[in-house]
Amino acid sequence: MKDVKQYIEANKDRFLEELFSLIRIPSISSESEHKEDMVRCANRWKELLLASGADKAEVMPSEGNPVVYGEKTIDPSKPTVLVYGHYDVMPVAPLDLWKTSPFEPVVKDGHIWARGADDDKGQSFMHAKAFEFMVKTGQLPCNVKFMFEGEEEIGSPSLYGFCEKHKEMLRADIILVSDTSMLGLDTPSICAGLRGLDYWEVEVTGPNSDLHSGIYGGAVANPIIILSKMIASLHDENNHITIPGFYDDVVELSREERDLMAQAPFNLDEYQKALDIKTVHGENGYSTIERTGIRPCLDVCGIWGGYQGEGSKTVLPSKAFAKISTRLVANQDYEKIAKQFQQYFESIAPDCVKVKVTPLHGGAPYASPMDLSAYKAAEKAMTTVLGKRPIPTRSGGSIPIISGFERILGIKSILMGFGLQSDAIHAPNENYPLDNFFKGIETIPYFYEYFTELESK
């Protein structure tokens, strides 16, 4: 790709200001008060795609938040790449832990600091600017389509139906995604697999109203205590999940495969220091990398109940709540696991309380075959720009719609992310290194070049 570095250098200030125009829109999909912000962000994306050289771009309705679609066709006989990303972001609470305003991006210490800087506005925007470079310099080798949704952070509930409805419009040879992390620019990697997801809200009810803890305490079950005991029982002494049948379909990796994963550079002391923890914690018999890549897990994402205001209030609460999630690995069926969890959690409740389990969302795990021409193109592109062959890794995170794409559209996805574990996505002080942002823009055009060459053979 001729002159890509020069193009980035000449336009980098504009690139950042355009990205910041997206970041400044608080497109939080999980909070209903931001409904208008979702539409504003979608329309801004439309403007940016058209300015970058798309033949057309439009904001299309779905059952939920709108989907941004754009395309450029240079030759119907050429391969087509569908770029997927999302413009919605996570909530920012707790706000007092942010060092900067989450929706007013700041560049400091070589990083962009803001909600969405990495996940996924920054990473998606790399594709728009790489596309712009190829169009403006006449180097676009194939057809490109863009699809940016506004519900990824809540499980993409509307995108499945959108894909079913628009199969022909979305027809492509490969889906290219930058919504994952890499080991580092000095140790590049490609995500070859994602964990699946199940997510529930549970409600435990004791008495029919809050009670005086002195008059009733010791005689009536406290839902918070009962819920805590039930949650604690979901793991045994080896941190093994106790839900019957939970591991039945888990594919165990061979010793050879585990040894290959172990070649990825990982410093346990630095990992613990960065998190300010004395030691890691997890399923016995597996390394930290394995626990977050090839093994399922179960976590409590939130828990609440009773009095939480200032000062004291001696109350025995009527209800207690928790949000619980599992991350699933290859061959686990998230719908099957959802039923297993609900049945088990209800079965371990004592008679002194009532339990309600509400599924929120879920998605299947995904594996990207390394023999795909698109994977080889991504591997070659990273090697060209970063000087080292990328290591295949498996992400502990989930993008449920990726497996949906394969099921509905029949298209595989390549997960060529440039984020870092230290980018604090979903947490206060999310950030994205400028080096990764610009190297991503530099690398993506090479993917198009190599993919087109490999598909044409």
Protein backbone atom coordinates (compact mmCIF):
# COMPACT_ATOMS: atom_id res chain seq x y z
CA MET A 1 0.00 0.00 0.00
CA LYS A 2 1.77 3.08 -1.31
CA ASP A 3 2.07 6.18 0.92
CA VAL A 4 -0.22 4.98 3.73
CA LYS A 5 2.14 6.28 6.42
CA GLN A 6 2.34 9.68 4.75
CA TYR A 7 -1.44 9.86 4.43
CA ILE A 8 -1.89 9.11 8.13
CA GLU A 9 0.72 11.68 9.15
CA ALA A 10 -0.84 14.38 6.97
CA ASN A 11 -4.35 13.75 8.28
CA LYS A 12 -3.90 12.50 11.84
CA ASP A 13 -5.23 15.64 13.55
CA ARG A 14 -8.37 15.53 11.43
CA PHE A 15 -8.76 11.83 12.09
CA LEU A 16 -8.74 12.46 15.83
CA GLU A 17 -11.19 15.34 15.70
CA GLU A 18 -13.61 13.27 13.61
CA LEU A 19 -13.30 10.38 16.06
CA PHE A 20 -13.90 12.78 18.94
CA SER A 21 -17.14 13.94 17.30
CA LEU A 22 -18.39 10.36 17.71
CA ILE A 23 -17.05 9.92 21.23
CA ARG A 24 -18.72 13.11 22.46
CA ILE A 25 -22.14 11.56 21.80
CA PRO A 26 -23.11 9.52 24.92
CA SER A 27 -24.54 6.56 23.02
CA ILE A 28 -25.22 4.29 26.01
CA SER A 29 -27.56 1.59 24.73
CA SER A 30 -28.48 0.19 28.16
CA GLU A 31 -29.89 3.49 29.43
CA SER A 32 -33.22 4.57 27.94
CA GLU A 33 -32.56 8.28 28.47
CA HIS A 34 -29.91 8.06 25.73
CA LYS A 35 -32.33 6.91 23.02
CA GLU A 36 -31.94 10.17 21.07
CA ASP A 37 -28.17 9.99 21.44
CA MET A 38 -28.21 6.62 19.68
CA VAL A 39 -29.89 8.21 16.66
CA ARG A 40 -27.49 11.17 16.74
CA CYS A 41 -24.48 8.86 16.80
CA ALA A 42 -25.86 6.76 13.94
CA ASN A 43 -26.39 9.87 11.81
CA ARG A 44 -22.88 11.09 12.57
CA TRP A 45 -21.51 7.74 11.42
CA LYS A 46 -23.47 8.08 8.19
CA GLU A 47 -21.90 11.50 7.56
CA LEU A 48 -18.41 10.16 8.23
CA LEU A 49 -18.82 7.15 5.93
CA LEU A 50 -19.99 9.34 3.08
CA ALA A 51 -17.11 11.75 3.64
CA SER A 52 -14.69 8.80 3.64
CA GLY A 53 -15.77 7.74 0.15
CA ALA A 54 -18.75 5.40 0.48
CA ASP A 55 -21.02 5.32 -2.57
CA LYS A 56 -23.94 5.38 -0.21
CA ALA A 57 -24.60 5.29 3.52
CA GLU A 58 -27.87 5.25 5.39
CA VAL A 59 -29.32 4.95 8.87
CA MET A 60 -31.67 1.98 8.75
CA PRO A 61 -34.36 1.07 11.27
CA SER A 62 -34.33 -2.10 13.34
CA GLU A 63 -36.59 -3.27 16.14
CA GLY A 64 -34.30 -1.35 18.48
CA ASN A 65 -31.56 1.17 17.81
CA PRO A 66 -30.81 2.03 14.18
CA VAL A 67 -28.14 0.28 12.10
CA VAL A 68 -25.71 2.27 9.97
CA TYR A 69 -25.08 0.69 6.58
CA GLY A 70 -22.65 1.87 3.92
CA GLU A 71 -21.03 0.41 0.83
CA LYS A 72 -18.69 1.00 -2.07
CA THR A 73 -18.67 -1.30 -5.10
CA ILE A 74 -15.71 -1.11 -7.46
CA ASP A 75 -16.35 -4.37 -9.35
CA PRO A 76 -19.06 -6.97 -8.61
CA SER A 77 -16.63 -9.71 -9.63
CA LYS A 78 -14.17 -8.68 -6.90
CA PRO A 79 -14.32 -10.02 -3.32
CA THR A 80 -16.46 -8.13 -0.80
CA VAL A 81 -15.45 -7.34 2.78
CA LEU A 82 -18.17 -6.51 5.31
CA VAL A 83 -16.83 -4.38 8.17
CA TYR A 84 -18.76 -4.78 11.42
CA GLY A 85 -18.56 -2.55 14.48
CA HIS A 86 -20.79 -0.97 17.09
CA TYR A 87 -21.39 2.62 18.10
CA ASP A 88 -23.00 1.97 21.48
CA VAL A 89 -20.91 2.16 24.64
CA MET A 90 -21.06 0.96 28.22
CA PRO A 91 -22.42 3.12 31.08
CA VAL A 92 -19.81 5.28 32.82
CA ALA A 93 -20.68 4.68 36.49
CA PRO A 94 -18.99 5.06 38.92
CA LEU A 95 -18.36 8.55 37.57
CA ASP A 96 -16.20 9.62 40.53
CA LEU A 97 -13.49 7.13 39.49
CA TRP A 98 -12.93 8.83 36.14
CA LYS A 99 -9.88 11.08 35.93
CA THR A 100 -11.34 12.90 32.91
CA SER A 101 -14.86 13.55 31.66
CA PRO A 102 -15.90 10.26 29.95
CA PHE A 103 -17.49 11.95 26.93
CA GLU A 104 -14.96 14.72 26.47
CA PRO A 105 -11.95 12.94 24.94
CA VAL A 106 -8.50 13.94 26.13
CA VAL A 107 -5.14 13.01 24.62
CA LYS A 108 -2.58 12.51 27.37
CA ASP A 109 0.52 10.33 27.78
CA GLY A 110 0.06 8.97 24.26
CA HIS A 111 -3.48 7.72 24.87
CA ILE A 112 -7.02 8.83 24.06
CA TRP A 113 -8.99 8.88 27.32
CA ALA A 114 -12.78 8.58 26.96
CA ARG A 115 -15.67 6.13 26.95
CA GLY A 116 -15.63 4.42 23.56
CA ALA A 117 -12.02 5.40 22.83
CA ASP A 118 -11.30 1.71 22.23
CA ASP A 119 -14.63 -0.14 22.52
CA ASP A 120 -15.66 0.28 19.81
CA LYS A 121 -15.67 3.78 18.38
CA GLY A 122 -11.88 4.07 18.18
CA GLN A 123 -11.40 0.64 16.68
CA SER A 124 -14.31 0.96 14.23
CA PHE A 125 -13.10 4.38 13.15
CA MET A 126 -9.74 2.90 12.08
CA HIS A 127 -11.65 1.09 9.34
CA ALA A 128 -13.32 4.24 8.08
CA LYS A 129 -9.99 6.04 7.79
CA ALA A 130 -8.18 3.06 6.23
CA PHE A 131 -11.05 2.89 3.72
CA GLU A 132 -10.75 6.64 3.09
CA PHE A 133 -7.05 6.26 2.33
CA MET A 134 -7.66 3.48 -0.17
CA VAL A 135 -10.49 5.34 -1.91
CA LYS A 136 -8.77 8.73 -2.05
CA THR A 137 -5.54 7.24 -3.41
CA GLY A 138 -7.22 4.85 -5.84
CA GLN A 139 -5.90 1.74 -4.07
CA LEU A 140 -9.12 0.05 -2.95
CA PRO A 141 -8.76 -3.51 -4.36
CA CYS A 142 -12.21 -4.91 -3.57
CA ASN A 143 -15.76 -4.04 -2.58
CA VAL A 144 -16.50 -2.86 0.95
CA LYS A 145 -19.63 -2.81 3.06
CA PHE A 146 -20.03 -1.33 6.54
CA MET A 147 -22.52 -2.28 9.25
CA PHE A 148 -22.38 -0.45 12.58
CA GLU A 149 -25.01 -1.33 15.18
CA GLY A 150 -26.14 0.33 18.40
CA GLU A 151 -26.89 -2.64 20.67
CA GLU A 152 -23.73 -4.76 20.96
CA GLU A 153 -23.27 -3.89 24.63
CA ILE A 154 -26.73 -5.29 25.41
CA GLY A 155 -26.38 -8.44 23.32
CA SER A 156 -27.39 -7.19 19.83
CA PRO A 157 -31.04 -8.24 20.27
CA SER A 158 -32.27 -6.43 17.15
CA LEU A 159 -29.38 -7.23 14.82
CA TYR A 160 -30.31 -10.89 14.37
CA GLY A 161 -33.64 -9.91 12.84
CA PHE A 162 -31.98 -7.15 10.81
CA CYS A 163 -29.58 -9.68 9.31
CA GLU A 164 -32.41 -12.10 8.51
CA LYS A 165 -34.28 -9.30 6.73
CA HIS A 166 -31.29 -7.96 4.79
CA LYS A 167 -29.35 -11.10 3.86
CA GLU A 168 -28.84 -10.07 0.25
CA MET A 169 -27.73 -6.55 1.12
CA LEU A 170 -25.16 -7.94 3.58
CA ARG A 171 -23.79 -10.62 1.24
CA ALA A 172 -19.98 -10.71 1.50
CA ASP A 173 -16.99 -13.04 1.43
CA ILE A 174 -15.73 -12.23 4.92
CA ILE A 175 -16.63 -10.06 7.90
CA LEU A 176 -13.79 -7.95 9.30
CA VAL A 177 -14.05 -6.90 12.94
CA SER A 178 -11.88 -4.80 15.22
CA ASP A 179 -13.51 -5.16 18.63
CA THR A 180 -10.95 -7.34 20.39
CA SER A 181 -7.53 -6.87 21.93
CA MET A 182 -4.00 -7.91 20.99
CA LEU A 183 -1.01 -8.79 23.15
CA GLY A 184 0.79 -5.63 22.02
CA LEU A 185 2.34 -3.90 19.03
CA ASP A 186 5.66 -5.53 19.92
CA THR A 187 3.93 -8.93 20.27
CA PRO A 188 1.07 -8.84 17.77
CA SER A 189 -1.74 -11.36 17.96
CA ILE A 190 -5.00 -12.24 16.25
CA CYS A 191 -8.05 -13.38 18.17
CA ALA A 192 -8.95 -16.83 16.88
CA GLY A 193 -11.85 -17.43 19.24
CA LEU A 194 -14.42 -15.78 21.50
CA ARG A 195 -16.22 -17.10 24.52
CA GLY A 196 -20.00 -17.23 24.49
CA LEU A 197 -22.24 -15.60 27.06
CA ASP A 198 -25.30 -16.07 29.24
CA TYR A 199 -26.63 -13.30 31.49
CA TRP A 200 -29.43 -13.34 34.07
CA GLU A 201 -30.98 -11.18 36.73
CA VAL A 202 -32.06 -13.06 39.85
CA GLU A 203 -34.53 -11.87 42.47
CA VAL A 204 -34.89 -13.41 45.91
CA THR A 205 -37.97 -12.46 47.95
CA GLY A 206 -38.48 -13.12 51.65
CA PRO A 207 -41.24 -11.30 53.57
CA ASN A 208 -43.82 -9.27 51.66
CA SER A 209 -42.31 -5.95 52.83
CA ASP A 210 -39.23 -4.58 54.53
CA LEU A 211 -39.26 -5.35 58.25
CA HIS A 212 -37.78 -3.93 61.46
CA SER A 213 -34.54 -5.87 61.91
CA GLY A 214 -34.85 -5.84 65.70
CA ILE A 215 -38.40 -7.14 65.88
CA TYR A 216 -38.09 -9.69 63.07
CA GLY A 217 -34.34 -10.34 62.81
CA GLY A 218 -33.48 -13.95 63.63
CA ALA A 219 -37.01 -15.17 62.96
CA VAL A 220 -37.48 -14.30 59.27
CA ALA A 221 -35.09 -15.11 56.42
CA ASN A 222 -32.97 -12.23 55.16
CA PRO A 223 -33.02 -12.41 51.33
CA ILE A 224 -29.55 -10.82 51.05
CA ILE A 225 -28.01 -13.51 53.24
CA ILE A 226 -29.87 -16.29 51.42
CA LEU A 227 -28.86 -14.91 48.01
CA SER A 228 -25.22 -14.63 49.13
CA LYS A 229 -25.21 -18.27 50.23
CA MET A 230 -26.81 -19.40 46.98
CA ILE A 231 -24.24 -17.50 44.91
CA ALA A 232 -21.37 -18.87 47.00
CA SER A 233 -22.58 -22.41 46.34
CA LEU A 234 -22.20 -21.96 42.57
CA HIS A 235 -18.45 -22.76 42.91
CA ASP A 236 -16.80 -25.59 44.82
CA GLU A 237 -13.47 -25.61 46.66
CA ASN A 238 -11.61 -25.94 43.34
CA ASN A 239 -13.50 -22.98 41.83
CA HIS A 240 -15.34 -25.46 39.64
CA ILE A 241 -18.88 -24.42 38.65
CA THR A 242 -21.41 -26.67 40.42
CA ILE A 243 -24.35 -26.41 37.99
CA PRO A 244 -25.14 -30.03 36.99
CA GLY A 245 -24.19 -30.72 33.37
CA PHE A 246 -22.44 -27.37 32.95
CA TYR A 247 -19.19 -28.90 31.63
CA ASP A 248 -20.75 -31.76 29.64
CA ASP A 249 -20.11 -30.19 26.23
CA VAL A 250 -16.84 -28.39 26.94
CA VAL A 251 -14.13 -29.36 24.44
CA GLU A 252 -10.92 -30.10 26.29
CA LEU A 253 -7.81 -28.87 24.47
CA SER A 254 -4.96 -31.30 23.95
CA ARG A 255 -1.68 -30.89 25.78
CA GLU A 256 -0.11 -29.81 22.49
CA GLU A 257 -2.66 -27.04 22.00
CA ARG A 258 -2.24 -25.85 25.59
CA ASP A 259 1.53 -25.77 25.14
CA LEU A 260 1.09 -23.61 22.02
CA MET A 261 -1.05 -21.15 23.96
CA ALA A 262 1.57 -21.04 26.69
CA GLN A 263 4.09 -19.59 24.22
CA ALA A 264 2.30 -16.25 24.36
CA PRO A 265 4.34 -13.89 26.56
CA PHE A 266 2.70 -13.44 29.94
CA ASN A 267 4.18 -12.07 33.14
CA LEU A 268 2.07 -13.09 36.13
CA ASP A 269 3.78 -10.65 38.51
CA GLU A 270 3.12 -7.71 36.19
CA TYR A 271 -0.47 -8.87 35.67
CA GLN A 272 -1.10 -8.96 39.42
CA LYS A 273 0.67 -5.66 39.98
CA ALA A 274 -1.34 -3.90 37.28
CA LEU A 275 -4.56 -5.06 38.98
CA ASP A 276 -3.25 -4.37 42.50
CA ILE A 277 -3.99 -7.92 43.67
CA LYS A 278 -1.79 -10.25 45.71
CA THR A 279 -2.63 -13.33 43.67
CA VAL A 280 -4.85 -14.53 40.85
CA HIS A 281 -7.88 -16.72 41.48
CA GLY A 282 -9.68 -19.28 39.36
CA GLU A 283 -10.33 -22.86 38.40
CA ASN A 284 -7.65 -25.20 39.71
CA GLY A 285 -5.42 -26.92 37.17
CA TYR A 286 -5.39 -24.12 34.58
CA SER A 287 -3.16 -21.12 33.93
CA THR A 288 -4.45 -17.54 33.93
CA ILE A 289 -4.40 -17.42 30.13
CA GLU A 290 -6.31 -20.70 29.93
CA ARG A 291 -8.86 -19.56 32.51
CA THR A 292 -9.72 -16.53 30.40
CA GLY A 293 -9.58 -18.17 26.98
CA ILE A 294 -10.39 -21.88 26.88
CA ARG A 295 -12.35 -22.38 30.11
CA PRO A 296 -15.85 -21.23 31.02
CA CYS A 297 -16.47 -19.09 34.08
CA LEU A 298 -19.33 -17.69 36.15
CA ASP A 299 -19.35 -14.25 37.74
CA VAL A 300 -21.61 -11.93 39.72
CA CYS A 301 -21.75 -8.63 37.85
CA GLY A 302 -23.85 -6.79 40.40
CA ILE A 303 -25.65 -7.38 43.70
CA TRP A 304 -27.98 -5.18 45.70
CA GLY A 305 -30.81 -5.03 48.22
CA GLY A 306 -31.90 -3.35 51.42
CA TYR A 307 -31.01 0.13 52.61
CA GLN A 308 -28.16 1.84 50.77
CA GLY A 309 -28.67 5.49 51.70
CA GLU A 310 -26.63 7.68 54.02
CA GLY A 311 -26.39 6.68 57.66
CA SER A 312 -28.13 3.65 59.14
CA LYS A 313 -31.57 2.14 58.85
CA THR A 314 -32.28 -1.03 60.77
CA VAL A 315 -34.19 -2.93 58.15
CA LEU A 316 -34.60 -6.56 57.18
CA PRO A 317 -35.14 -6.25 53.40
CA SER A 318 -37.94 -7.88 51.50
CA LYS A 319 -35.88 -8.48 48.37
CA ALA A 320 -32.34 -9.01 47.14
CA PHE A 321 -31.09 -8.96 43.54
CA ALA A 322 -28.04 -9.97 41.55
CA LYS A 323 -26.89 -9.97 37.95
CA ILE A 324 -25.01 -13.15 37.08
CA SER A 325 -23.17 -14.06 33.89
CA THR A 326 -21.31 -17.03 32.46
CA ARG A 327 -18.68 -17.05 29.73
CA LEU A 328 -18.87 -20.16 27.59
CA VAL A 329 -16.35 -21.97 25.40
CA ALA A 330 -16.46 -23.93 22.17
CA ASN A 331 -19.31 -26.46 21.88
CA GLN A 332 -21.30 -25.11 24.84
CA ASP A 333 -24.90 -24.22 23.93
CA TYR A 334 -25.88 -20.95 25.59
CA GLU A 335 -29.60 -21.78 25.41
CA LYS A 336 -28.99 -25.12 27.13
CA ILE A 337 -26.82 -23.49 29.79
CA ALA A 338 -29.47 -20.81 30.37
CA LYS A 339 -32.03 -23.49 31.25
CA GLN A 340 -29.55 -25.46 33.38
CA PHE A 341 -28.72 -22.37 35.43
CA GLN A 342 -32.35 -21.41 35.99
CA GLN A 343 -33.36 -24.91 37.04
CA TYR A 344 -30.40 -25.28 39.39
CA PHE A 345 -30.64 -21.84 40.96
CA GLU A 346 -34.33 -22.32 41.68
CA SER A 347 -33.67 -25.81 43.08
CA ILE A 348 -31.13 -24.65 45.68
CA ALA A 349 -33.41 -21.97 47.13
CA PRO A 350 -34.68 -22.79 50.64
CA ASP A 351 -38.42 -22.74 51.32
CA CYS A 352 -38.14 -19.51 53.30
CA VAL A 353 -37.71 -17.45 50.10
CA LYS A 354 -39.06 -17.25 46.57
CA VAL A 355 -36.69 -17.03 43.59
CA LYS A 356 -37.20 -15.51 40.15
CA VAL A 357 -34.61 -15.92 37.37
CA THR A 358 -34.88 -13.61 34.36
CA PRO A 359 -32.63 -14.30 31.33
CA LEU A 360 -31.32 -11.03 29.86
CA HIS A 361 -29.26 -12.07 26.86
CA GLY A 362 -26.81 -14.65 25.57
CA GLY A 363 -24.75 -15.75 22.63
CA ALA A 364 -22.74 -18.67 21.31
CA PRO A 365 -18.93 -18.96 21.34
CA TYR A 366 -17.03 -18.52 18.07
CA ALA A 367 -13.85 -19.95 16.57
CA SER A 368 -12.08 -18.49 13.52
CA PRO A 369 -10.37 -21.16 11.38
CA MET A 370 -6.71 -20.31 10.82
CA ASP A 371 -6.71 -21.83 7.33
CA LEU A 372 -9.08 -19.18 5.95
CA SER A 373 -7.57 -16.90 3.31
CA ALA A 374 -8.88 -13.97 5.35
CA TYR A 375 -7.03 -15.16 8.46
CA LYS A 376 -3.86 -15.55 6.41
CA ALA A 377 -4.37 -12.05 4.98
CA ALA A 378 -4.73 -10.58 8.48
CA GLU A 379 -1.65 -12.49 9.60
CA LYS A 380 0.38 -11.21 6.64
CA ALA A 381 -0.88 -7.63 7.06
CA MET A 382 0.18 -7.52 10.71
CA THR A 383 3.53 -9.05 9.86
CA THR A 384 4.11 -6.42 7.16
CA VAL A 385 3.37 -3.45 9.43
CA LEU A 386 4.46 -4.69 12.85
CA GLY A 387 7.41 -6.80 11.77
CA LYS A 388 6.38 -9.98 13.59
CA ARG A 389 4.04 -12.82 12.80
CA PRO A 390 0.99 -12.53 15.08
CA ILE A 391 0.29 -15.19 17.68
CA PRO A 392 -3.20 -16.77 17.60
CA THR A 393 -5.03 -16.16 20.88
CA ARG A 394 -8.48 -16.76 22.30
CA SER A 395 -10.37 -13.90 23.88
CA GLY A 396 -12.12 -14.23 27.20
CA GLY A 397 -14.72 -11.75 26.02
CA SER A 398 -17.85 -12.28 23.99
CA ILE A 399 -19.35 -10.75 20.86
CA PRO A 400 -22.52 -12.86 20.60
CA ILE A 401 -23.53 -11.57 17.17
CA ILE A 402 -20.36 -13.02 15.56
CA SER A 403 -21.68 -16.55 15.82
CA GLY A 404 -25.04 -15.17 14.68
CA PHE A 405 -23.45 -13.86 11.49
CA GLU A 406 -22.19 -17.33 10.65
CA ARG A 407 -25.56 -18.91 11.37
CA ILE A 408 -27.73 -16.34 9.57
CA LEU A 409 -25.48 -14.96 6.81
CA GLY A 410 -23.19 -17.96 6.37
CA ILE A 411 -20.11 -15.73 6.64
CA LYS A 412 -17.02 -16.24 8.80
CA SER A 413 -15.47 -13.35 10.72
CA ILE A 414 -11.86 -12.28 11.23
CA LEU A 415 -11.20 -10.63 14.59
CA MET A 416 -8.30 -8.27 13.92
CA GLY A 417 -8.35 -6.08 17.02
CA PHE A 418 -5.79 -3.50 18.10
CA GLY A 419 -6.91 -2.85 21.66
CA LEU A 420 -4.91 -3.75 24.74
CA GLN A 421 -5.94 -5.37 28.01
CA SER A 422 -4.83 -2.16 29.74
CA ASP A 423 -7.40 -0.07 27.82
CA ALA A 424 -9.95 -0.44 30.65
CA ILE A 425 -12.91 -1.09 28.36
CA HIS A 426 -16.21 -1.29 30.34
CA ALA A 427 -14.44 0.43 33.26
CA PRO A 428 -13.65 3.98 34.37
CA ASN A 429 -10.79 5.64 32.48
CA GLU A 430 -11.18 3.72 29.25
CA ASN A 431 -8.34 4.64 26.91
CA TYR A 432 -6.73 3.74 23.60
CA PRO A 433 -3.04 4.22 22.71
CA LEU A 434 -2.50 6.56 19.77
CA ASP A 435 0.14 4.17 18.43
CA ASN A 436 -2.39 1.34 18.23
CA PHE A 437 -4.98 3.60 16.61
CA PHE A 438 -2.63 4.77 13.86
CA LYS A 439 -0.99 1.36 13.35
CA GLY A 440 -4.46 -0.11 12.92
CA ILE A 441 -5.20 2.38 10.14
CA GLU A 442 -1.87 1.47 8.55
CA THR A 443 -2.46 -2.29 8.78
CA ILE A 444 -6.03 -2.55 7.51
CA PRO A 445 -5.30 -1.58 3.87
CA TYR A 446 -2.75 -4.41 3.68
CA PHE A 447 -5.48 -6.83 4.78
CA TYR A 448 -7.55 -5.74 1.78
CA GLU A 449 -4.61 -6.11 -0.59
CA TYR A 450 -3.59 -9.57 0.64
CA PHE A 451 -7.16 -10.84 0.98
CA THR A 452 -8.00 -9.83 -2.58
CA GLU A 453 -4.84 -11.52 -3.86
CA LEU A 454 -5.54 -14.77 -1.97
CA GLU A 455 -9.21 -14.87 -3.00
CA SER A 456 -8.24 -14.33 -6.65
CA LYS A 457 -5.93 -17.33 -6.80
